[in-house]
C-alpha atoms as a PDB file:
ATOM      1  CA  UNK A   1      73.621 112.585 122.622  1.00  0.00           C
ATOM      2  CA  UNK A   2      71.229 114.971 120.954  1.00  0.00           C
ATOM      3  CA  UNK A   3      70.993 115.369 117.214  1.00  0.00           C
ATOM      4  CA  UNK A   4      72.236 118.964 117.451  1.00  0.00           C
ATOM      5  CA  UNK A   5      75.401 117.914 119.300  1.00  0.00           C
ATOM      6  CA  UNK A   6      76.047 115.188 116.710  1.00  0.00           C
ATOM      7  CA  UNK A   7      75.619 117.660 113.858  1.00  0.00           C
ATOM      8  CA  UNK A   8      77.976 120.153 115.509  1.00  0.00           C
ATOM      9  CA  UNK A   9      80.528 117.348 115.968  1.00  0.00           C
ATOM     10  CA  UNK A  10      80.320 116.349 112.299  1.00  0.00           C
ATOM     11  CA  UNK A  11      80.670 119.961 111.193  1.00  0.00           C
ATOM     12  CA  UNK A  12      83.720 120.512 113.419  1.00  0.00           C
ATOM     13  CA  UNK A  13      85.255 117.249 112.214  1.00  0.00           C
ATOM     14  CA  UNK A  14      84.882 118.234 108.564  1.00  0.00           C
ATOM     15  CA  UNK A  15      86.197 121.771 109.038  1.00  0.00           C
ATOM     16  CA  UNK A  16      89.160 120.763 111.240  1.00  0.00           C
ATOM     17  CA  UNK A  17      90.242 118.145 108.712  1.00  0.00           C
ATOM     18  CA  UNK A  18      90.134 120.775 105.934  1.00  0.00           C
ATOM     19  CA  UNK A  19      92.167 123.214 108.076  1.00  0.00           C
ATOM     20  CA  UNK A  20      94.786 120.560 108.882  1.00  0.00           C
ATOM     21  CA  UNK A  21      95.039 119.592 105.231  1.00  0.00           C
ATOM     22  CA  UNK A  22      95.358 123.185 104.033  1.00  0.00           C
ATOM     23  CA  UNK A  23      97.448 124.879 106.738  1.00  0.00           C
ATOM     24  CA  UNK A  24      99.585 122.197 108.400  1.00  0.00           C
ATOM     25  CA  UNK A  25     102.318 119.902 107.109  1.00  0.00           C
ATOM     26  CA  UNK A  26     103.546 116.938 109.128  1.00  0.00           C
ATOM     27  CA  UNK A  27     106.861 115.543 107.935  1.00  0.00           C
ATOM     28  CA  UNK A  28     106.721 111.799 107.148  1.00  0.00           C
ATOM     29  CA  UNK A  29     103.181 111.499 108.592  1.00  0.00           C
ATOM     30  CA  UNK A  30      99.591 111.659 107.470  1.00  0.00           C
ATOM     31  CA  UNK A  31      97.118 113.048 110.008  1.00  0.00           C
ATOM     32  CA  UNK A  32      93.407 112.282 109.652  1.00  0.00           C
ATOM     33  CA  UNK A  33      90.491 113.396 111.792  1.00  0.00           C
ATOM     34  CA  UNK A  34      88.454 110.363 112.867  1.00  0.00           C
ATOM     35  CA  UNK A  35      85.869 111.988 115.108  1.00  0.00           C
ATOM     36  CA  UNK A  36      84.911 115.145 116.966  1.00  0.00           C
ATOM     37  CA  UNK A  37      82.866 114.803 120.148  1.00  0.00           C
ATOM     38  CA  UNK A  38      81.600 118.043 121.671  1.00  0.00           C
ATOM     39  CA  UNK A  39      80.475 117.964 125.283  1.00  0.00           C
ATOM     40  CA  UNK A  40      76.776 118.524 125.974  1.00  0.00           C
ATOM     41  CA  UNK A  41      77.366 122.115 127.125  1.00  0.00           C
ATOM     42  CA  UNK A  42      79.579 122.823 124.054  1.00  0.00           C
ATOM     43  CA  UNK A  43      82.444 124.050 126.265  1.00  0.00           C
ATOM     44  CA  UNK A  44      84.921 121.481 124.907  1.00  0.00           C
ATOM     45  CA  UNK A  45      85.243 119.331 121.818  1.00  0.00           C
ATOM     46  CA  UNK A  46      87.486 116.274 121.772  1.00  0.00           C
ATOM     47  CA  UNK A  47      88.987 115.789 118.314  1.00  0.00           C
ATOM     48  CA  UNK A  48      90.296 112.267 117.712  1.00  0.00           C
ATOM     49  CA  UNK A  49      93.084 112.077 115.130  1.00  0.00           C
ATOM     50  CA  UNK A  50      94.699 109.102 113.458  1.00  0.00           C
ATOM     51  CA  UNK A  51      98.341 109.290 112.480  1.00  0.00           C
ATOM     52  CA  UNK A  52      99.996 107.167 109.814  1.00  0.00           C
ATOM     53  CA  UNK A  53     103.742 107.294 110.158  1.00  0.00           C
ATOM     54  CA  UNK A  54     106.541 106.545 112.593  1.00  0.00           C
ATOM     55  CA  UNK A  55     105.120 105.459 115.947  1.00  0.00           C
ATOM     56  CA  UNK A  56     107.579 107.560 117.973  1.00  0.00           C
ATOM     57  CA  UNK A  57     106.199 110.782 116.417  1.00  0.00           C
ATOM     58  CA  UNK A  58     102.528 110.238 117.354  1.00  0.00           C
ATOM     59  CA  UNK A  59     102.698 111.838 120.803  1.00  0.00           C
ATOM     60  CA  UNK A  60     104.717 114.764 119.422  1.00  0.00           C
ATOM     61  CA  UNK A  61     102.142 115.440 116.707  1.00  0.00           C
ATOM     62  CA  UNK A  62      99.223 115.381 119.170  1.00  0.00           C
ATOM     63  CA  UNK A  63     101.175 117.743 121.438  1.00  0.00           C
ATOM     64  CA  UNK A  64     101.892 120.021 118.458  1.00  0.00           C
ATOM     65  CA  UNK A  65      98.189 120.090 117.561  1.00  0.00           C
ATOM     66  CA  UNK A  66      97.229 120.989 121.130  1.00  0.00           C
ATOM     67  CA  UNK A  67      99.883 123.750 121.218  1.00  0.00           C
ATOM     68  CA  UNK A  68      98.645 125.177 117.901  1.00  0.00           C
ATOM     69  CA  UNK A  69      95.009 124.930 118.950  1.00  0.00           C
ATOM     70  CA  UNK A  70      94.515 128.695 118.521  1.00  0.00           C
ATOM     71  CA  UNK A  71      95.715 128.608 114.918  1.00  0.00           C
ATOM     72  CA  UNK A  72      93.168 125.870 114.245  1.00  0.00           C
ATOM     73  CA  UNK A  73      90.272 127.383 116.209  1.00  0.00           C
ATOM     74  CA  UNK A  74      90.465 130.858 114.609  1.00  0.00           C
ATOM     75  CA  UNK A  75      89.672 129.789 111.030  1.00  0.00           C
ATOM     76  CA  UNK A  76      87.302 127.107 112.330  1.00  0.00           C
ATOM     77  CA  UNK A  77      85.089 129.548 114.198  1.00  0.00           C
ATOM     78  CA  UNK A  78      85.109 132.012 111.321  1.00  0.00           C
ATOM     79  CA  UNK A  79      83.397 129.296 109.276  1.00  0.00           C
ATOM     80  CA  UNK A  80      81.343 127.650 112.049  1.00  0.00           C
ATOM     81  CA  UNK A  81      79.186 130.153 113.891  1.00  0.00           C
ATOM     82  CA  UNK A  82      78.110 128.997 117.350  1.00  0.00           C
ATOM     83  CA  UNK A  83      76.915 130.899 120.388  1.00  0.00           C
ATOM     84  CA  UNK A  84      79.569 129.153 122.481  1.00  0.00           C
ATOM     85  CA  UNK A  85      82.676 128.018 120.581  1.00  0.00           C
ATOM     86  CA  UNK A  86      84.072 124.812 122.105  1.00  0.00           C
ATOM     87  CA  UNK A  87      87.673 124.582 123.259  1.00  0.00           C
ATOM     88  CA  UNK A  88      89.390 121.959 121.049  1.00  0.00           C
ATOM     89  CA  UNK A  89      91.308 119.116 122.705  1.00  0.00           C
ATOM     90  CA  UNK A  90      93.197 116.763 120.386  1.00  0.00           C
ATOM     91  CA  UNK A  91      93.579 113.089 121.266  1.00  0.00           C
ATOM     92  CA  UNK A  92      95.208 110.171 119.485  1.00  0.00           C
ATOM     93  CA  UNK A  93      92.877 107.521 118.063  1.00  0.00           C
ATOM     94  CA  UNK A  94      94.679 104.297 117.230  1.00  0.00           C
ATOM     95  CA  UNK A  95      91.550 102.207 116.601  1.00  0.00           C
ATOM     96  CA  UNK A  96      92.384 101.677 112.907  1.00  0.00           C
ATOM     97  CA  UNK A  97      95.811 100.260 113.749  1.00  0.00           C
ATOM     98  CA  UNK A  98      94.310  97.986 116.403  1.00  0.00           C
ATOM     99  CA  UNK A  99      91.708  96.792 113.890  1.00  0.00           C
ATOM    100  CA  UNK A 100      94.376  95.971 111.299  1.00  0.00           C
ATOM    101  CA  UNK A 101      96.379  94.012 113.899  1.00  0.00           C
ATOM    102  CA  UNK A 102      93.276  92.020 114.876  1.00  0.00           C
ATOM    103  CA  UNK A 103      92.398  91.258 111.247  1.00  0.00           C
ATOM    104  CA  UNK A 104      95.972  90.132 110.564  1.00  0.00           C
ATOM    105  CA  UNK A 105      95.861  87.863 113.612  1.00  0.00           C
ATOM    106  CA  UNK A 106      92.568  86.343 112.412  1.00  0.00           C
ATOM    107  CA  UNK A 107      94.000  85.782 108.919  1.00  0.00           C
ATOM    108  CA  UNK A 108      97.019  83.980 110.409  1.00  0.00           C
ATOM    109  CA  UNK A 109      94.949  81.513 112.447  1.00  0.00           C
ATOM    110  CA  UNK A 110      95.185  77.872 111.329  1.00  0.00           C
ATOM    111  CA  UNK A 111      92.089  76.472 109.594  1.00  0.00           C
ATOM    112  CA  UNK A 112      89.562  74.612 111.772  1.00  0.00           C
ATOM    113  CA  UNK A 113      90.374  70.917 112.370  1.00  0.00           C
ATOM    114  CA  UNK A 114      87.410  69.647 110.311  1.00  0.00           C
ATOM    115  CA  UNK A 115      88.263  71.597 107.146  1.00  0.00           C
ATOM    116  CA  UNK A 116      91.871  70.472 106.607  1.00  0.00           C
END
């Protein structure tokens, strides 16, 4: 990925997280933007969000974000000027939860046989 694409992704990530914080409220959940990956042609940008809260609401929140994409893109592209403004696609990123589960499993392993 080129440096320009990476910089555009970081800029979109920062601005989308500010827009979500300022303009959207999610009951009983905290939504964070983990990454934004624009395609090489800048037609689409995949925004990966992490959700802390009830597991059964995760899919609903991602669907709500995709439905309200226009309300997110308008203020975003007023602040981020690009020749071609990417179409935002929100996806769930559960990597943090998976990492916590793995770390907990490692912590619960019995000590090696030689150290007991």
